[in-house]
PDB file of N, CA and C in Angstrom:
ATOM      1  N   UNK A   1     101.935  69.041 117.717  1.00  0.00           N
ATOM      2  CA  UNK A   1     102.928  69.428 116.748  1.00  0.00           C
ATOM      3  C   UNK A   1     102.863  70.929 116.467  1.00  0.00           C
ATOM      4  N   UNK A   2     101.644  71.459 116.325  1.00  0.00           N
ATOM      5  CA  UNK A   2     101.491  72.885 116.044  1.00  0.00           C
ATOM      6  C   UNK A   2     102.022  73.715 117.198  1.00  0.00           C
ATOM      7  N   UNK A   3     101.789  73.264 118.426  1.00  0.00           N
ATOM      8  CA  UNK A   3     102.279  73.983 119.590  1.00  0.00           C
ATOM      9  C   UNK A   3     103.803  74.034 119.593  1.00  0.00           C
ATOM     10  N   UNK A   4     104.461  72.930 119.256  1.00  0.00           N
ATOM     11  CA  UNK A   4     105.927  72.923 119.259  1.00  0.00           C
ATOM     12  C   UNK A   4     106.480  73.829 118.163  1.00  0.00           C
ATOM     13  N   UNK A   5     105.822  73.883 117.006  1.00  0.00           N
ATOM     14  CA  UNK A   5     106.259  74.783 115.940  1.00  0.00           C
ATOM     15  C   UNK A   5     106.082  76.226 116.388  1.00  0.00           C
ATOM     16  N   UNK A   6     104.968  76.524 117.031  1.00  0.00           N
ATOM     17  CA  UNK A   6     104.706  77.874 117.511  1.00  0.00           C
ATOM     18  C   UNK A   6     105.739  78.309 118.546  1.00  0.00           C
ATOM     19  N   UNK A   7     106.086  77.432 119.456  1.00  0.00           N
ATOM     20  CA  UNK A   7     107.084  77.749 120.480  1.00  0.00           C
ATOM     21  C   UNK A   7     108.445  77.951 119.832  1.00  0.00           C
ATOM     22  N   UNK A   8     108.783  77.125 118.858  1.00  0.00           N
ATOM     23  CA  UNK A   8     110.062  77.272 118.159  1.00  0.00           C
ATOM     24  C   UNK A   8     110.132  78.597 117.416  1.00  0.00           C
ATOM     25  N   UNK A   9     109.042  78.978 116.754  1.00  0.00           N
ATOM     26  CA  UNK A   9     109.028  80.236 116.034  1.00  0.00           C
ATOM     27  C   UNK A   9     109.136  81.424 116.970  1.00  0.00           C
ATOM     28  N   UNK A  10     108.503  81.349 118.131  1.00  0.00           N
ATOM     29  CA  UNK A  10     108.586  82.459 119.079  1.00  0.00           C
ATOM     30  C   UNK A  10     110.009  82.663 119.580  1.00  0.00           C
ATOM     31  N   UNK A  11     110.783  81.588 119.693  1.00  0.00           N
ATOM     32  CA  UNK A  11     112.170  81.760 120.111  1.00  0.00           C
ATOM     33  C   UNK A  11     113.003  82.377 118.994  1.00  0.00           C
ATOM     34  N   UNK A  12     112.637  82.135 117.754  1.00  0.00           N
ATOM     35  CA  UNK A  12     113.341  82.728 116.621  1.00  0.00           C
ATOM     36  C   UNK A  12     113.004  84.210 116.495  1.00  0.00           C
ATOM     37  N   UNK A  13     111.785  84.602 116.852  1.00  0.00           N
ATOM     38  CA  UNK A  13     111.349  85.986 116.705  1.00  0.00           C
ATOM     39  C   UNK A  13     112.250  86.957 117.455  1.00  0.00           C
ATOM     40  N   UNK A  14     112.829  86.538 118.555  1.00  0.00           N
ATOM     41  CA  UNK A  14     113.696  87.435 119.311  1.00  0.00           C
ATOM     42  C   UNK A  14     115.024  87.670 118.597  1.00  0.00           C
ATOM     43  N   UNK A  15     115.323  86.888 117.575  1.00  0.00           N
ATOM     44  CA  UNK A  15     116.597  87.000 116.875  1.00  0.00           C
ATOM     45  C   UNK A  15     116.522  87.828 115.591  1.00  0.00           C
ATOM     46  N   UNK A  16     115.314  88.209 115.163  1.00  0.00           N
ATOM     47  CA  UNK A  16     115.173  88.932 113.907  1.00  0.00           C
ATOM     48  C   UNK A  16     114.555  90.300 114.140  1.00  0.00           C
ATOM     49  N   UNK A  17     114.667  91.162 113.147  1.00  0.00           N
ATOM     50  CA  UNK A  17     114.151  92.524 113.285  1.00  0.00           C
ATOM     51  C   UNK A  17     112.629  92.547 113.167  1.00  0.00           C
ATOM     52  N   UNK A  18     112.050  93.646 113.573  1.00  0.00           N
ATOM     53  CA  UNK A  18     110.592  93.770 113.522  1.00  0.00           C
ATOM     54  C   UNK A  18     110.089  93.807 112.076  1.00  0.00           C
ATOM     55  N   UNK A  19     110.883  94.344 111.165  1.00  0.00           N
ATOM     56  CA  UNK A  19     110.489  94.373 109.761  1.00  0.00           C
ATOM     57  C   UNK A  19     110.420  92.955 109.205  1.00  0.00           C
ATOM     58  N   UNK A  20     111.432  92.141 109.510  1.00  0.00           N
ATOM     59  CA  UNK A  20     111.432  90.759 109.055  1.00  0.00           C
ATOM     60  C   UNK A  20     110.268  89.994 109.679  1.00  0.00           C
ATOM     61  N   UNK A  21     109.965  90.275 110.922  1.00  0.00           N
ATOM     62  CA  UNK A  21     108.843  89.627 111.599  1.00  0.00           C
ATOM     63  C   UNK A  21     107.521  90.008 110.947  1.00  0.00           C
ATOM     64  N   UNK A  22     107.366  91.271 110.564  1.00  0.00           N
ATOM     65  CA  UNK A  22     106.148  91.700 109.873  1.00  0.00           C
ATOM     66  C   UNK A  22     105.981  90.973 108.543  1.00  0.00           C
ATOM     67  N   UNK A  23     107.077  90.767 107.840  1.00  0.00           N
ATOM     68  CA  UNK A  23     107.015  90.051 106.564  1.00  0.00           C
ATOM     69  C   UNK A  23     106.594  88.605 106.791  1.00  0.00           C
ATOM     70  N   UNK A  24     107.138  87.981 107.819  1.00  0.00           N
ATOM     71  CA  UNK A  24     106.763  86.601 108.136  1.00  0.00           C
ATOM     72  C   UNK A  24     105.278  86.513 108.474  1.00  0.00           C
ATOM     73  N   UNK A  25     104.796  87.449 109.280  1.00  0.00           N
ATOM     74  CA  UNK A  25     103.373  87.445 109.629  1.00  0.00           C
ATOM     75  C   UNK A  25     102.499  87.673 108.400  1.00  0.00           C
ATOM     76  N   UNK A  26     102.938  88.556 107.491  1.00  0.00           N
ATOM     77  CA  UNK A  26     102.149  88.814 106.285  1.00  0.00           C
ATOM     78  C   UNK A  26     102.114  87.600 105.363  1.00  0.00           C
ATOM     79  N   UNK A  27     103.179  86.814 105.356  1.00  0.00           N
ATOM     80  CA  UNK A  27     103.237  85.624 104.504  1.00  0.00           C
ATOM     81  C   UNK A  27     102.601  84.392 105.141  1.00  0.00           C
ATOM     82  N   UNK A  28     102.165  84.500 106.378  1.00  0.00           N
ATOM     83  CA  UNK A  28     101.597  83.350 107.081  1.00  0.00           C
ATOM     84  C   UNK A  28     100.444  82.679 106.323  1.00  0.00           C
ATOM     85  N   UNK A  29      99.478  83.420 105.759  1.00  0.00           N
ATOM     86  CA  UNK A  29      98.402  82.740 105.020  1.00  0.00           C
ATOM     87  C   UNK A  29      98.920  81.934 103.822  1.00  0.00           C
ATOM     88  N   UNK A  30      99.956  82.428 103.190  1.00  0.00           N
ATOM     89  CA  UNK A  30     100.522  81.708 102.051  1.00  0.00           C
ATOM     90  C   UNK A  30     101.212  80.437 102.524  1.00  0.00           C
ATOM     91  N   UNK A  31     101.958  80.535 103.635  1.00  0.00           N
ATOM     92  CA  UNK A  31     102.588  79.333 104.196  1.00  0.00           C
ATOM     93  C   UNK A  31     101.538  78.287 104.560  1.00  0.00           C
ATOM     94  N   UNK A  32     100.449  78.738 105.148  1.00  0.00           N
ATOM     95  CA  UNK A  32      99.377  77.822 105.544  1.00  0.00           C
ATOM     96  C   UNK A  32      98.769  77.151 104.309  1.00  0.00           C
ATOM     97  N   UNK A  33      98.568  77.913 103.240  1.00  0.00           N
ATOM     98  CA  UNK A  33      98.004  77.340 102.018  1.00  0.00           C
ATOM     99  C   UNK A  33      98.934  76.287 101.420  1.00  0.00           C
ATOM    100  N   UNK A  34     100.231  76.562 101.433  1.00  0.00           N
ATOM    101  CA  UNK A  34     101.201  75.592 100.898  1.00  0.00           C
ATOM    102  C   UNK A  34     101.226  74.331 101.759  1.00  0.00           C
ATOM    103  N   UNK A  35     101.229  74.498 103.069  1.00  0.00           N
ATOM    104  CA  UNK A  35     101.236  73.340 103.979  1.00  0.00           C
ATOM    105  C   UNK A  35      99.947  72.538 103.832  1.00  0.00           C
ATOM    106  N   UNK A  36      98.810  73.230 103.686  1.00  0.00           N
ATOM    107  CA  UNK A  36      97.534  72.523 103.493  1.00  0.00           C
ATOM    108  C   UNK A  36      97.546  71.739 102.190  1.00  0.00           C
ATOM    109  N   UNK A  37      98.155  72.291 101.164  1.00  0.00           N
ATOM    110  CA  UNK A  37      98.245  71.574  99.895  1.00  0.00           C
ATOM    111  C   UNK A  37      99.130  70.327 100.038  1.00  0.00           C
ATOM    112  N   UNK A  38     100.249  70.481 100.735  1.00  0.00           N
ATOM    113  CA  UNK A  38     101.190  69.366 100.888  1.00  0.00           C
ATOM    114  C   UNK A  38     100.583  68.244 101.726  1.00  0.00           C
ATOM    115  N   UNK A  39      99.985  68.591 102.859  1.00  0.00           N
ATOM    116  CA  UNK A  39      99.542  67.562 103.797  1.00  0.00           C
ATOM    117  C   UNK A  39      98.136  67.023 103.545  1.00  0.00           C
ATOM    118  N   UNK A  40      97.212  67.864 103.089  1.00  0.00           N
ATOM    119  CA  UNK A  40      95.846  67.371 102.912  1.00  0.00           C
ATOM    120  C   UNK A  40      95.315  67.552 101.498  1.00  0.00           C
ATOM    121  N   UNK A  41      96.174  68.034 100.595  1.00  0.00           N
ATOM    122  CA  UNK A  41      95.782  68.140  99.200  1.00  0.00           C
ATOM    123  C   UNK A  41      94.776  69.233  98.902  1.00  0.00           C
ATOM    124  N   UNK A  42      94.642  70.194  99.786  1.00  0.00           N
ATOM    125  CA  UNK A  42      93.678  71.274  99.573  1.00  0.00           C
ATOM    126  C   UNK A  42      94.184  72.209  98.474  1.00  0.00           C
ATOM    127  N   UNK A  43      93.282  72.600  97.618  1.00  0.00           N
ATOM    128  CA  UNK A  43      93.646  73.476  96.499  1.00  0.00           C
ATOM    129  C   UNK A  43      93.002  74.849  96.683  1.00  0.00           C
ATOM    130  N   UNK A  44      93.712  75.862  96.204  1.00  0.00           N
ATOM    131  CA  UNK A  44      93.190  77.216  96.277  1.00  0.00           C
ATOM    132  C   UNK A  44      92.177  77.461  95.167  1.00  0.00           C
ATOM    133  N   UNK A  45      91.222  78.319  95.461  1.00  0.00           N
ATOM    134  CA  UNK A  45      90.287  78.787  94.438  1.00  0.00           C
ATOM    135  C   UNK A  45      90.930  79.983  93.741  1.00  0.00           C
ATOM    136  N   UNK A  46      90.250  80.521  92.755  1.00  0.00           N
ATOM    137  CA  UNK A  46      90.760  81.711  92.067  1.00  0.00           C
ATOM    138  C   UNK A  46      90.915  82.869  93.052  1.00  0.00           C
ATOM    139  N   UNK A  47      89.975  82.987  93.983  1.00  0.00           N
ATOM    140  CA  UNK A  47      90.072  84.041  94.994  1.00  0.00           C
ATOM    141  C   UNK A  47      91.299  83.848  95.870  1.00  0.00           C
ATOM    142  N   UNK A  48      91.615  82.612  96.187  1.00  0.00           N
ATOM    143  CA  UNK A  48      92.800  82.325  96.992  1.00  0.00           C
ATOM    144  C   UNK A  48      94.083  82.718  96.289  1.00  0.00           C
ATOM    145  N   UNK A  49      94.153  82.411  94.989  1.00  0.00           N
ATOM    146  CA  UNK A  49      95.333  82.799  94.209  1.00  0.00           C
ATOM    147  C   UNK A  49      95.453  84.315  94.100  1.00  0.00           C
ATOM    148  N   UNK A  50      94.325  84.982  93.881  1.00  0.00           N
ATOM    149  CA  UNK A  50      94.343  86.452  93.816  1.00  0.00           C
ATOM    150  C   UNK A  50      94.791  87.026  95.155  1.00  0.00           C
ATOM    151  N   UNK A  51      94.299  86.470  96.242  1.00  0.00           N
ATOM    152  CA  UNK A  51      94.710  86.928  97.566  1.00  0.00           C
ATOM    153  C   UNK A  51      96.195  86.729  97.804  1.00  0.00           C
ATOM    154  N   UNK A  52      96.721  85.577  97.399  1.00  0.00           N
ATOM    155  CA  UNK A  52      98.153  85.305  97.568  1.00  0.00           C
ATOM    156  C   UNK A  52      98.987  86.285  96.744  1.00  0.00           C
ATOM    157  N   UNK A  53      98.544  86.560  95.533  1.00  0.00           N
ATOM    158  CA  UNK A  53      99.263  87.519  94.681  1.00  0.00           C
ATOM    159  C   UNK A  53      99.233  88.911  95.305  1.00  0.00           C
ATOM    160  N   UNK A  54      98.091  89.304  95.854  1.00  0.00           N
ATOM    161  CA  UNK A  54      97.984  90.619  96.491  1.00  0.00           C
ATOM    162  C   UNK A  54      98.873  90.724  97.725  1.00  0.00           C
ATOM    163  N   UNK A  55      98.952  89.658  98.520  1.00  0.00           N
ATOM    164  CA  UNK A  55      99.811  89.666  99.706  1.00  0.00           C
ATOM    165  C   UNK A  55     101.272  89.833  99.287  1.00  0.00           C
ATOM    166  N   UNK A  56     101.706  89.037  98.332  1.00  0.00           N
ATOM    167  CA  UNK A  56     103.099  89.117  97.874  1.00  0.00           C
ATOM    168  C   UNK A  56     103.385  90.472  97.234  1.00  0.00           C
ATOM    169  N   UNK A  57     102.454  90.971  96.411  1.00  0.00           N
ATOM    170  CA  UNK A  57     102.643  92.280  95.779  1.00  0.00           C
ATOM    171  C   UNK A  57     102.717  93.390  96.825  1.00  0.00           C
ATOM    172  N   UNK A  58     101.898  93.304  97.865  1.00  0.00           N
ATOM    173  CA  UNK A  58     101.942  94.299  98.931  1.00  0.00           C
ATOM    174  C   UNK A  58     103.262  94.294  99.680  1.00  0.00           C
ATOM    175  N   UNK A  59     103.783  93.121  99.938  1.00  0.00           N
ATOM    176  CA  UNK A  59     105.079  93.019 100.626  1.00  0.00           C
ATOM    177  C   UNK A  59     106.194  93.572  99.749  1.00  0.00           C
ATOM    178  N   UNK A  60     106.204  93.170  98.488  1.00  0.00           N
ATOM    179  CA  UNK A  60     107.240  93.657  97.565  1.00  0.00           C
ATOM    180  C   UNK A  60     107.156  95.171  97.429  1.00  0.00           C
ATOM    181  N   UNK A  61     105.951  95.705  97.268  1.00  0.00           N
ATOM    182  CA  UNK A  61     105.777  97.144  97.121  1.00  0.00           C
ATOM    183  C   UNK A  61     106.226  97.898  98.369  1.00  0.00           C
ATOM    184  N   UNK A  62     105.834  97.421  99.534  1.00  0.00           N
ATOM    185  CA  UNK A  62     106.213  98.121 100.755  1.00  0.00           C
ATOM    186  C   UNK A  62     107.720  98.093 100.979  1.00  0.00           C
ATOM    187  N   UNK A  63     108.356  96.976 100.680  1.00  0.00           N
ATOM    188  CA  UNK A  63     109.804  96.888 100.840  1.00  0.00           C
ATOM    189  C   UNK A  63     110.527  97.748  99.811  1.00  0.00           C
ATOM    190  N   UNK A  64     110.003  97.791  98.592  1.00  0.00           N
ATOM    191  CA  UNK A  64     110.607  98.622  97.560  1.00  0.00           C
ATOM    192  C   UNK A  64     110.492 100.098  97.921  1.00  0.00           C
ATOM    193  N   UNK A  65     109.313 100.525  98.406  1.00  0.00           N
ATOM    194  CA  UNK A  65     109.130 101.920  98.802  1.00  0.00           C
ATOM    195  C   UNK A  65     110.034 102.278  99.979  1.00  0.00           C
ATOM    196  N   UNK A  66     110.161 101.364 100.931  1.00  0.00           N
ATOM    197  CA  UNK A  66     111.041 101.613 102.077  1.00  0.00           C
ATOM    198  C   UNK A  66     112.488 101.742 101.616  1.00  0.00           C
ATOM    199  N   UNK A  67     112.909 100.875 100.714  1.00  0.00           N
ATOM    200  CA  UNK A  67     114.269 100.933 100.187  1.00  0.00           C
ATOM    201  C   UNK A  67     114.499 102.241  99.440  1.00  0.00           C
ATOM    202  N   UNK A  68     113.546 102.618  98.600  1.00  0.00           N
ATOM    203  CA  UNK A  68     113.671 103.852  97.818  1.00  0.00           C
ATOM    204  C   UNK A  68     113.731 105.075  98.724  1.00  0.00           C
ATOM    205  N   UNK A  69     112.885 105.100  99.751  1.00  0.00           N
ATOM    206  CA  UNK A  69     112.875 106.238 100.674  1.00  0.00           C
ATOM    207  C   UNK A  69     114.156 106.306 101.496  1.00  0.00           C
ATOM    208  N   UNK A  70     114.674 105.161 101.924  1.00  0.00           N
ATOM    209  CA  UNK A  70     115.907 105.178 102.708  1.00  0.00           C
ATOM    210  C   UNK A  70     117.094 105.573 101.838  1.00  0.00           C
ATOM    211  N   UNK A  71     117.081 105.177 100.577  1.00  0.00           N
ATOM    212  CA  UNK A  71     118.148 105.552  99.645  1.00  0.00           C
ATOM    213  C   UNK A  71     118.099 107.056  99.389  1.00  0.00           C
ATOM    214  N   UNK A  72     116.899 107.611  99.211  1.00  0.00           N
ATOM    215  CA  UNK A  72     116.748 109.049  98.982  1.00  0.00           C
ATOM    216  C   UNK A  72     117.165 109.837 100.217  1.00  0.00           C
ATOM    217  N   UNK A  73     116.831 109.326 101.392  1.00  0.00           N
ATOM    218  CA  UNK A  73     117.205 110.010 102.631  1.00  0.00           C
ATOM    219  C   UNK A  73     118.720 110.003 102.819  1.00  0.00           C
ATOM    220  N   UNK A  74     119.366 108.918 102.433  1.00  0.00           N
ATOM    221  CA  UNK A  74     120.817 108.832 102.558  1.00  0.00           C
ATOM    222  C   UNK A  74     121.508 109.804 101.610  1.00  0.00           C
ATOM    223  N   UNK A  75     120.925 110.037 100.450  1.00  0.00           N
ATOM    224  CA  UNK A  75     121.521 110.956  99.482  1.00  0.00           C
ATOM    225  C   UNK A  75     121.351 112.408  99.888  1.00  0.00           C
ATOM    226  N   UNK A  76     120.294 112.735 100.624  1.00  0.00           N
ATOM    227  CA  UNK A  76     120.043 114.121 101.007  1.00  0.00           C
ATOM    228  C   UNK A  76     120.566 114.445 102.397  1.00  0.00           C
ATOM    229  N   UNK A  77     121.086 113.469 103.111  1.00  0.00           N
ATOM    230  CA  UNK A  77     121.594 113.758 104.450  1.00  0.00           C
ATOM    231  C   UNK A  77     122.902 114.528 104.339  1.00  0.00           C
ATOM    232  N   UNK A  78     123.142 115.357 105.316  1.00  0.00           N
ATOM    233  CA  UNK A  78     124.358 116.148 105.319  1.00  0.00           C
ATOM    234  C   UNK A  78     124.851 116.277 106.748  1.00  0.00           C
ATOM    235  N   UNK A  79     126.114 116.650 106.873  1.00  0.00           N
ATOM    236  CA  UNK A  79     126.668 116.858 108.206  1.00  0.00           C
ATOM    237  C   UNK A  79     126.974 118.342 108.370  1.00  0.00           C
ATOM    238  N   UNK A  80     126.859 118.802 109.581  1.00  0.00           N
ATOM    239  CA  UNK A  80     127.111 120.213 109.886  1.00  0.00           C
ATOM    240  C   UNK A  80     128.580 120.346 110.257  1.00  0.00           C
ATOM    241  N   UNK A  81     129.319 121.186 109.534  1.00  0.00           N
ATOM    242  CA  UNK A  81     130.733 121.347 109.874  1.00  0.00           C
ATOM    243  C   UNK A  81     130.859 122.077 111.210  1.00  0.00           C
ATOM    244  N   UNK A  82     131.769 121.632 112.023  1.00  0.00           N
ATOM    245  CA  UNK A  82     131.953 122.242 113.336  1.00  0.00           C
ATOM    246  C   UNK A  82     133.275 122.989 113.431  1.00  0.00           C
ATOM    247  N   UNK A  83     134.077 122.969 112.381  1.00  0.00           N
ATOM    248  CA  UNK A  83     135.392 123.609 112.458  1.00  0.00           C
ATOM    249  C   UNK A  83     135.311 125.127 112.482  1.00  0.00           C
ATOM    250  N   UNK A  84     134.273 125.725 111.920  1.00  0.00           N
ATOM    251  CA  UNK A  84     134.157 127.167 111.875  1.00  0.00           C
ATOM    252  C   UNK A  84     133.353 127.758 113.006  1.00  0.00           C
ATOM    253  N   UNK A  85     132.871 126.934 113.895  1.00  0.00           N
ATOM    254  CA  UNK A  85     132.026 127.399 114.986  1.00  0.00           C
ATOM    255  C   UNK A  85     132.903 127.634 116.215  1.00  0.00           C
ATOM    256  N   UNK A  86     132.795 128.843 116.783  1.00  0.00           N
ATOM    257  CA  UNK A  86     133.575 129.179 117.971  1.00  0.00           C
ATOM    258  C   UNK A  86     132.624 129.314 119.146  1.00  0.00           C
ATOM    259  N   UNK A  87     133.022 128.765 120.251  1.00  0.00           N
ATOM    260  CA  UNK A  87     132.207 128.892 121.446  1.00  0.00           C
ATOM    261  C   UNK A  87     132.438 130.240 122.085  1.00  0.00           C
ATOM    262  N   UNK A  88     131.382 130.830 122.582  1.00  0.00           N
ATOM    263  CA  UNK A  88     131.495 132.118 123.291  1.00  0.00           C
ATOM    264  C   UNK A  88     131.426 131.849 124.774  1.00  0.00           C
ATOM    265  N   UNK A  89     132.328 132.469 125.500  1.00  0.00           N
ATOM    266  CA  UNK A  89     132.351 132.267 126.961  1.00  0.00           C
ATOM    267  C   UNK A  89     131.842 133.484 127.653  1.00  0.00           C
TER     268      UNK A  89
END
């Protein structure tokens, strides 16, 4: 079953961006913890909860910083006017 899920996910990876793939990989431990809880009743310790919070906080922070930087870059970008430039022959 795990092999079939892995093969299915690999076919999906070609359809998404590398940023989305990085987020999926970063969330993998959390997905595993949720699946372990559902199927075998395993519970997280305090360290596990702290780790999950840190993973989610890191993803949110990195995406927020990327968004903020791309927004700032878009505001400072400019185009060079070409109407006043004459070619010399």
